[in-house]
Amino acid sequence: MTQAIWEQALHNPDPDKRKLFDALHTYVLDKRQEEIINEKKVCNLIWTNKRNIL
């Protein structure tokens, strides 16, 4: 999905649409980064709890 959005941001003939797709691409990347960070936090929390139990 992000590849298609990025292609539109680069190659769309309408400059306003390019800006829109660029903003959308940035938003999608930011949300994905948040998901990854939250997943790591959960994994670290689980790992810490397992170590404390053992």
PDB file of N, CA and C in Angstrom:
ATOM      1  N   MET A   1       0.814  -1.194   0.000  1.00  0.00           N
ATOM      2  CA  MET A   1       0.000   0.000   0.000  1.00  0.00           C
ATOM      3  C   MET A   1       0.859   1.261   0.000  1.00  0.00           C
ATOM      4  N   THR A   2       1.869   1.288   0.839  1.00  0.00           N
ATOM      5  CA  THR A   2       2.683   2.499   0.906  1.00  0.00           C
ATOM      6  C   THR A   2       3.432   2.742  -0.403  1.00  0.00           C
ATOM      7  N   GLN A   3       3.782   1.664  -1.098  1.00  0.00           N
ATOM      8  CA  GLN A   3       4.480   1.825  -2.375  1.00  0.00           C
ATOM      9  C   GLN A   3       3.585   2.532  -3.385  1.00  0.00           C
ATOM     10  N   ALA A   4       2.318   2.145  -3.450  1.00  0.00           N
ATOM     11  CA  ALA A   4       1.381   2.769  -4.392  1.00  0.00           C
ATOM     12  C   ALA A   4       1.171   4.247  -4.046  1.00  0.00           C
ATOM     13  N   ILE A   5       1.077   4.541  -2.770  1.00  0.00           N
ATOM     14  CA  ILE A   5       0.903   5.939  -2.348  1.00  0.00           C
ATOM     15  C   ILE A   5       2.150   6.738  -2.716  1.00  0.00           C
ATOM     16  N   TRP A   6       3.312   6.140  -2.475  1.00  0.00           N
ATOM     17  CA  TRP A   6       4.569   6.824  -2.797  1.00  0.00           C
ATOM     18  C   TRP A   6       4.680   7.085  -4.296  1.00  0.00           C
ATOM     19  N   GLU A   7       4.277   6.119  -5.107  1.00  0.00           N
ATOM     20  CA  GLU A   7       4.306   6.303  -6.565  1.00  0.00           C
ATOM     21  C   GLU A   7       3.420   7.476  -6.985  1.00  0.00           C
ATOM     22  N   GLN A   8       2.250   7.579  -6.362  1.00  0.00           N
ATOM     23  CA  GLN A   8       1.357   8.695  -6.672  1.00  0.00           C
ATOM     24  C   GLN A   8       1.978  10.020  -6.221  1.00  0.00           C
ATOM     25  N   ALA A   9       2.630  10.007  -5.081  1.00  0.00           N
ATOM     26  CA  ALA A   9       3.270  11.231  -4.581  1.00  0.00           C
ATOM     27  C   ALA A   9       4.372  11.696  -5.531  1.00  0.00           C
ATOM     28  N   LEU A  10       5.036  10.746  -6.153  1.00  0.00           N
ATOM     29  CA  LEU A  10       6.131  11.102  -7.064  1.00  0.00           C
ATOM     30  C   LEU A  10       5.671  11.439  -8.471  1.00  0.00           C
ATOM     31  N   HIS A  11       4.667  10.710  -8.978  1.00  0.00           N
ATOM     32  CA  HIS A  11       4.395  10.767 -10.411  1.00  0.00           C
ATOM     33  C   HIS A  11       3.033  11.327 -10.804  1.00  0.00           C
ATOM     34  N   ASN A  12       2.205  11.692  -9.857  1.00  0.00           N
ATOM     35  CA  ASN A  12       0.906  12.235 -10.225  1.00  0.00           C
ATOM     36  C   ASN A  12       1.091  13.584 -10.909  1.00  0.00           C
ATOM     37  N   PRO A  13       0.424  13.795 -12.043  1.00  0.00           N
ATOM     38  CA  PRO A  13       0.621  15.057 -12.774  1.00  0.00           C
ATOM     39  C   PRO A  13       0.055  16.291 -12.046  1.00  0.00           C
ATOM     40  N   ASP A  14      -0.870  16.087 -11.144  1.00  0.00           N
ATOM     41  CA  ASP A  14      -1.498  17.196 -10.419  1.00  0.00           C
ATOM     42  C   ASP A  14      -0.676  17.503  -9.160  1.00  0.00           C
ATOM     43  N   PRO A  15      -0.092  18.698  -9.060  1.00  0.00           N
ATOM     44  CA  PRO A  15       0.758  19.019  -7.906  1.00  0.00           C
ATOM     45  C   PRO A  15       0.006  18.965  -6.566  1.00  0.00           C
ATOM     46  N   ASP A  16      -1.269  19.334  -6.574  1.00  0.00           N
ATOM     47  CA  ASP A  16      -2.043  19.259  -5.329  1.00  0.00           C
ATOM     48  C   ASP A  16      -2.237  17.814  -4.890  1.00  0.00           C
ATOM     49  N   LYS A  17      -2.468  16.929  -5.841  1.00  0.00           N
ATOM     50  CA  LYS A  17      -2.606  15.510  -5.501  1.00  0.00           C
ATOM     51  C   LYS A  17      -1.281  14.931  -5.033  1.00  0.00           C
ATOM     52  N   ARG A  18      -0.172  15.379  -5.622  1.00  0.00           N
ATOM     53  CA  ARG A  18       1.149  14.923  -5.165  1.00  0.00           C
ATOM     54  C   ARG A  18       1.354  15.292  -3.702  1.00  0.00           C
ATOM     55  N   LYS A  19       0.974  16.520  -3.339  1.00  0.00           N
ATOM     56  CA  LYS A  19       1.095  16.957  -1.945  1.00  0.00           C
ATOM     57  C   LYS A  19       0.205  16.111  -1.041  1.00  0.00           C
ATOM     58  N   LEU A  20      -1.003  15.835  -1.509  1.00  0.00           N
ATOM     59  CA  LEU A  20      -1.928  15.018  -0.733  1.00  0.00           C
ATOM     60  C   LEU A  20      -1.360  13.618  -0.514  1.00  0.00           C
ATOM     61  N   PHE A  21      -0.878  12.983  -1.578  1.00  0.00           N
ATOM     62  CA  PHE A  21      -0.322  11.640  -1.463  1.00  0.00           C
ATOM     63  C   PHE A  21       0.955  11.633  -0.625  1.00  0.00           C
ATOM     64  N   ASP A  22       1.746  12.694  -0.709  1.00  0.00           N
ATOM     65  CA  ASP A  22       2.944  12.774   0.120  1.00  0.00           C
ATOM     66  C   ASP A  22       2.550  12.844   1.597  1.00  0.00           C
ATOM     67  N   ALA A  23       1.555  13.660   1.918  1.00  0.00           N
ATOM     68  CA  ALA A  23       1.089  13.766   3.304  1.00  0.00           C
ATOM     69  C   ALA A  23       0.508  12.435   3.782  1.00  0.00           C
ATOM     70  N   LEU A  24      -0.252  11.771   2.919  1.00  0.00           N
ATOM     71  CA  LEU A  24      -0.834  10.473   3.266  1.00  0.00           C
ATOM     72  C   LEU A  24       0.263   9.439   3.500  1.00  0.00           C
ATOM     73  N   HIS A  25       1.269   9.440   2.663  1.00  0.00           N
ATOM     74  CA  HIS A  25       2.391   8.510   2.805  1.00  0.00           C
ATOM     75  C   HIS A  25       3.104   8.739   4.129  1.00  0.00           C
ATOM     76  N   THR A  26       3.352   9.986   4.468  1.00  0.00           N
ATOM     77  CA  THR A  26       3.996  10.318   5.735  1.00  0.00           C
ATOM     78  C   THR A  26       3.142   9.851   6.907  1.00  0.00           C
ATOM     79  N   TYR A  27       1.842  10.068   6.827  1.00  0.00           N
ATOM     80  CA  TYR A  27       0.923   9.640   7.889  1.00  0.00           C
ATOM     81  C   TYR A  27       0.973   8.125   8.074  1.00  0.00           C
ATOM     82  N   VAL A  28       0.921   7.386   6.967  1.00  0.00           N
ATOM     83  CA  VAL A  28       0.948   5.919   7.037  1.00  0.00           C
ATOM     84  C   VAL A  28       2.261   5.443   7.658  1.00  0.00           C
ATOM     85  N   LEU A  29       3.365   6.041   7.254  1.00  0.00           N
ATOM     86  CA  LEU A  29       4.659   5.654   7.827  1.00  0.00           C
ATOM     87  C   LEU A  29       4.724   5.963   9.320  1.00  0.00           C
ATOM     88  N   ASP A  30       4.196   7.112   9.716  1.00  0.00           N
ATOM     89  CA  ASP A  30       4.188   7.467  11.142  1.00  0.00           C
ATOM     90  C   ASP A  30       3.360   6.473  11.952  1.00  0.00           C
ATOM     91  N   LYS A  31       2.196   6.089  11.426  1.00  0.00           N
ATOM     92  CA  LYS A  31       1.336   5.132  12.133  1.00  0.00           C
ATOM     93  C   LYS A  31       2.024   3.781  12.244  1.00  0.00           C
ATOM     94  N   ARG A  32       2.689   3.355  11.193  1.00  0.00           N
ATOM     95  CA  ARG A  32       3.402   2.074  11.223  1.00  0.00           C
ATOM     96  C   ARG A  32       4.531   2.124  12.245  1.00  0.00           C
ATOM     97  N   GLN A  33       5.219   3.243  12.303  1.00  0.00           N
ATOM     98  CA  GLN A  33       6.300   3.393  13.277  1.00  0.00           C
ATOM     99  C   GLN A  33       5.744   3.323  14.703  1.00  0.00           C
ATOM    100  N   GLU A  34       4.604   3.953  14.942  1.00  0.00           N
ATOM    101  CA  GLU A  34       3.959   3.873  16.258  1.00  0.00           C
ATOM    102  C   GLU A  34       3.630   2.426  16.616  1.00  0.00           C
ATOM    103  N   GLU A  35       3.098   1.675  15.643  1.00  0.00           N
ATOM    104  CA  GLU A  35       2.761   0.268  15.882  1.00  0.00           C
ATOM    105  C   GLU A  35       3.998  -0.530  16.272  1.00  0.00           C
ATOM    106  N   ILE A  36       5.093  -0.314  15.570  1.00  0.00           N
ATOM    107  CA  ILE A  36       6.334  -1.044  15.844  1.00  0.00           C
ATOM    108  C   ILE A  36       6.846  -0.703  17.242  1.00  0.00           C
ATOM    109  N   ILE A  37       6.827   0.574  17.588  1.00  0.00           N
ATOM    110  CA  ILE A  37       7.286   0.993  18.911  1.00  0.00           C
ATOM    111  C   ILE A  37       6.422   0.363  19.991  1.00  0.00           C
ATOM    112  N   ASN A  38       5.104   0.377  19.797  1.00  0.00           N
ATOM    113  CA  ASN A  38       4.197  -0.211  20.794  1.00  0.00           C
ATOM    114  C   ASN A  38       4.396  -1.719  20.912  1.00  0.00           C
ATOM    115  N   GLU A  39       4.636  -2.396  19.787  1.00  0.00           N
ATOM    116  CA  GLU A  39       4.896  -3.836  19.825  1.00  0.00           C
ATOM    117  C   GLU A  39       6.152  -4.122  20.634  1.00  0.00           C
ATOM    118  N   LYS A  40       7.185  -3.309  20.437  1.00  0.00           N
ATOM    119  CA  LYS A  40       8.431  -3.503  21.177  1.00  0.00           C
ATOM    120  C   LYS A  40       8.227  -3.260  22.663  1.00  0.00           C
ATOM    121  N   LYS A  41       7.415  -2.251  23.002  1.00  0.00           N
ATOM    122  CA  LYS A  41       7.134  -1.980  24.408  1.00  0.00           C
ATOM    123  C   LYS A  41       6.430  -3.171  25.053  1.00  0.00           C
ATOM    124  N   VAL A  42       5.475  -3.751  24.348  1.00  0.00           N
ATOM    125  CA  VAL A  42       4.742  -4.904  24.874  1.00  0.00           C
ATOM    126  C   VAL A  42       5.686  -6.088  25.032  1.00  0.00           C
ATOM    127  N   CYS A  43       6.520  -6.324  24.032  1.00  0.00           N
ATOM    128  CA  CYS A  43       7.471  -7.444  24.114  1.00  0.00           C
ATOM    129  C   CYS A  43       8.439  -7.248  25.276  1.00  0.00           C
ATOM    130  N   ASN A  44       8.919  -6.032  25.462  1.00  0.00           N
ATOM    131  CA  ASN A  44       9.834  -5.757  26.576  1.00  0.00           C
ATOM    132  C   ASN A  44       9.137  -5.941  27.914  1.00  0.00           C
ATOM    133  N   LEU A  45       7.885  -5.532  28.007  1.00  0.00           N
ATOM    134  CA  LEU A  45       7.125  -5.700  29.233  1.00  0.00           C
ATOM    135  C   LEU A  45       6.932  -7.182  29.550  1.00  0.00           C
ATOM    136  N   ILE A  46       6.576  -7.958  28.532  1.00  0.00           N
ATOM    137  CA  ILE A  46       6.396  -9.406  28.727  1.00  0.00           C
ATOM    138  C   ILE A  46       7.712 -10.040  29.144  1.00  0.00           C
ATOM    139  N   TRP A  47       8.794  -9.678  28.487  1.00  0.00           N
ATOM    140  CA  TRP A  47      10.112 -10.248  28.795  1.00  0.00           C
ATOM    141  C   TRP A  47      10.513  -9.899  30.231  1.00  0.00           C
ATOM    142  N   THR A  48      10.286  -8.660  30.635  1.00  0.00           N
ATOM    143  CA  THR A  48      10.629  -8.230  31.995  1.00  0.00           C
ATOM    144  C   THR A  48       9.809  -9.002  33.013  1.00  0.00           C
ATOM    145  N   ASN A  49       8.531  -9.180  32.759  1.00  0.00           N
ATOM    146  CA  ASN A  49       7.667  -9.907  33.682  1.00  0.00           C
ATOM    147  C   ASN A  49       8.087 -11.376  33.780  1.00  0.00           C
ATOM    148  N   LYS A  50       8.463 -11.987  32.682  1.00  0.00           N
ATOM    149  CA  LYS A  50       8.913 -13.380  32.704  1.00  0.00           C
ATOM    150  C   LYS A  50      10.193 -13.520  33.532  1.00  0.00           C
ATOM    151  N   ARG A  51      11.093 -12.578  33.363  1.00  0.00           N
ATOM    152  CA  ARG A  51      12.345 -12.644  34.124  1.00  0.00           C
ATOM    153  C   ARG A  51      12.094 -12.462  35.620  1.00  0.00           C
ATOM    154  N   ASN A  52      11.154 -11.604  35.972  1.00  0.00           N
ATOM    155  CA  ASN A  52      10.837 -11.370  37.382  1.00  0.00           C
ATOM    156  C   ASN A  52      10.178 -12.586  38.007  1.00  0.00           C
ATOM    157  N   ILE A  53       9.429 -13.336  37.237  1.00  0.00           N
ATOM    158  CA  ILE A  53       8.756 -14.524  37.750  1.00  0.00           C
ATOM    159  C   ILE A  53       9.779 -15.631  37.990  1.00  0.00           C
ATOM    160  N   LEU A  54      10.720 -15.763  37.076  1.00  0.00           N
ATOM    161  CA  LEU A  54      11.726 -16.820  37.213  1.00  0.00           C
ATOM    162  C   LEU A  54      12.705 -16.400  38.257  1.00  0.00           C
TER     163      LEU A  54
END
